């Protein structure tokens, strides 16, 4: 954990962020976070093209494959298939 700068008694950036995040969480509900997430997603879509999403999708897929084994993919495939069969 970061410590206060003892010379000038200022809070570190990490501590300030943590404190602000806790205060925000206490003052806002789930709907607030959904709203800002929606706005952020819309803004990202305006600022980036198809290639951006392909790139981050590729990177995400590579990381997922590094972190999970064959059993993981079998499990999520099974879950997806079960959910799909209930929709029909």
Protein backbone atom coordinates (compact mmCIF):
# COMPACT_ATOMS: atom_id res chain seq x y z
CA UNK A 1 0.00 0.00 0.00
CA UNK A 2 1.27 3.47 -0.83
CA UNK A 3 2.12 5.71 2.07
CA UNK A 4 1.51 9.39 2.59
CA UNK A 5 4.32 11.66 1.53
CA UNK A 6 5.59 12.42 5.03
CA UNK A 7 7.45 15.60 4.07
CA UNK A 8 4.39 17.52 2.93
CA UNK A 9 1.69 15.32 4.47
CA UNK A 10 -0.03 14.78 1.12
CA UNK A 11 -2.02 11.71 0.19
CA UNK A 12 -0.57 9.49 -2.54
CA UNK A 13 -2.38 9.22 -5.85
CA UNK A 14 -3.24 5.59 -5.04
CA UNK A 15 -4.75 6.53 -1.67
CA UNK A 16 -6.71 9.41 -3.18
CA UNK A 17 -8.13 7.13 -5.86
CA UNK A 18 -9.12 4.49 -3.33
CA UNK A 19 -10.76 7.06 -1.06
CA UNK A 20 -12.63 8.65 -3.98
CA UNK A 21 -13.79 5.27 -5.23
CA UNK A 22 -15.16 4.30 -1.83
CA UNK A 23 -16.99 7.61 -1.51
CA UNK A 24 -18.45 7.26 -5.00
CA UNK A 25 -19.62 3.72 -4.23
CA UNK A 26 -21.33 4.92 -1.05
CA UNK A 27 -23.11 7.77 -2.84
CA UNK A 28 -24.31 5.98 -5.99
CA UNK A 29 -26.33 2.89 -6.84
CA UNK A 30 -26.12 0.18 -9.49
CA UNK A 31 -28.06 2.32 -11.98
CA UNK A 32 -25.39 5.04 -11.81
CA UNK A 33 -22.66 2.59 -12.78
CA UNK A 34 -24.81 1.11 -15.55
CA UNK A 35 -25.44 4.60 -16.91
CA UNK A 36 -21.78 5.66 -16.94
CA UNK A 37 -20.83 2.29 -18.44
CA UNK A 38 -23.38 2.79 -21.21
CA UNK A 39 -22.09 6.30 -21.91
CA UNK A 40 -18.50 5.09 -21.93
CA UNK A 41 -19.33 2.30 -24.34
CA UNK A 42 -21.11 4.69 -26.68
CA UNK A 43 -18.17 7.10 -26.60
CA UNK A 44 -15.70 4.27 -27.27
CA UNK A 45 -17.80 3.17 -30.25
CA UNK A 46 -17.73 6.70 -31.65
CA UNK A 47 -13.96 7.00 -31.24
CA UNK A 48 -12.88 3.61 -32.58
CA UNK A 49 -13.42 1.62 -35.74
CA UNK A 50 -14.01 -2.05 -36.52
CA UNK A 51 -10.26 -2.74 -36.54
CA UNK A 52 -9.96 -1.56 -32.91
CA UNK A 53 -12.58 -4.07 -31.76
CA UNK A 54 -10.99 -6.84 -33.83
CA UNK A 55 -7.64 -6.08 -32.24
CA UNK A 56 -8.89 -6.09 -28.64
CA UNK A 57 -10.94 -9.20 -29.35
CA UNK A 58 -7.85 -10.95 -30.69
CA UNK A 59 -5.80 -9.93 -27.64
CA UNK A 60 -8.55 -11.03 -25.27
CA UNK A 61 -8.88 -14.38 -27.00
CA UNK A 62 -5.14 -14.97 -26.80
CA UNK A 63 -5.09 -14.19 -23.08
CA UNK A 64 -8.09 -16.40 -22.43
CA UNK A 65 -6.46 -19.32 -24.23
CA UNK A 66 -3.27 -18.84 -22.19
CA UNK A 67 -5.21 -18.83 -18.91
CA UNK A 68 -7.66 -21.69 -19.57
CA UNK A 69 -7.46 -25.29 -20.65
CA UNK A 70 -9.60 -27.52 -22.89
CA UNK A 71 -11.97 -28.27 -20.01
CA UNK A 72 -12.84 -24.57 -19.68
CA UNK A 73 -13.91 -24.38 -23.33
CA UNK A 74 -15.87 -27.63 -23.04
CA UNK A 75 -17.67 -26.24 -20.00
CA UNK A 76 -18.63 -22.91 -21.57
CA UNK A 77 -19.65 -24.69 -24.78
CA UNK A 78 -21.90 -26.98 -22.77
CA UNK A 79 -23.44 -24.03 -20.90
CA UNK A 80 -24.04 -22.13 -24.14
CA UNK A 81 -25.60 -25.17 -25.78
CA UNK A 82 -27.89 -25.76 -22.81
CA UNK A 83 -29.03 -22.15 -22.75
CA UNK A 84 -29.61 -22.16 -26.49
CA UNK A 85 -31.69 -25.35 -26.34
CA UNK A 86 -33.95 -23.79 -23.67
CA UNK A 87 -34.61 -20.79 -25.96
CA UNK A 88 -36.11 -22.93 -28.72
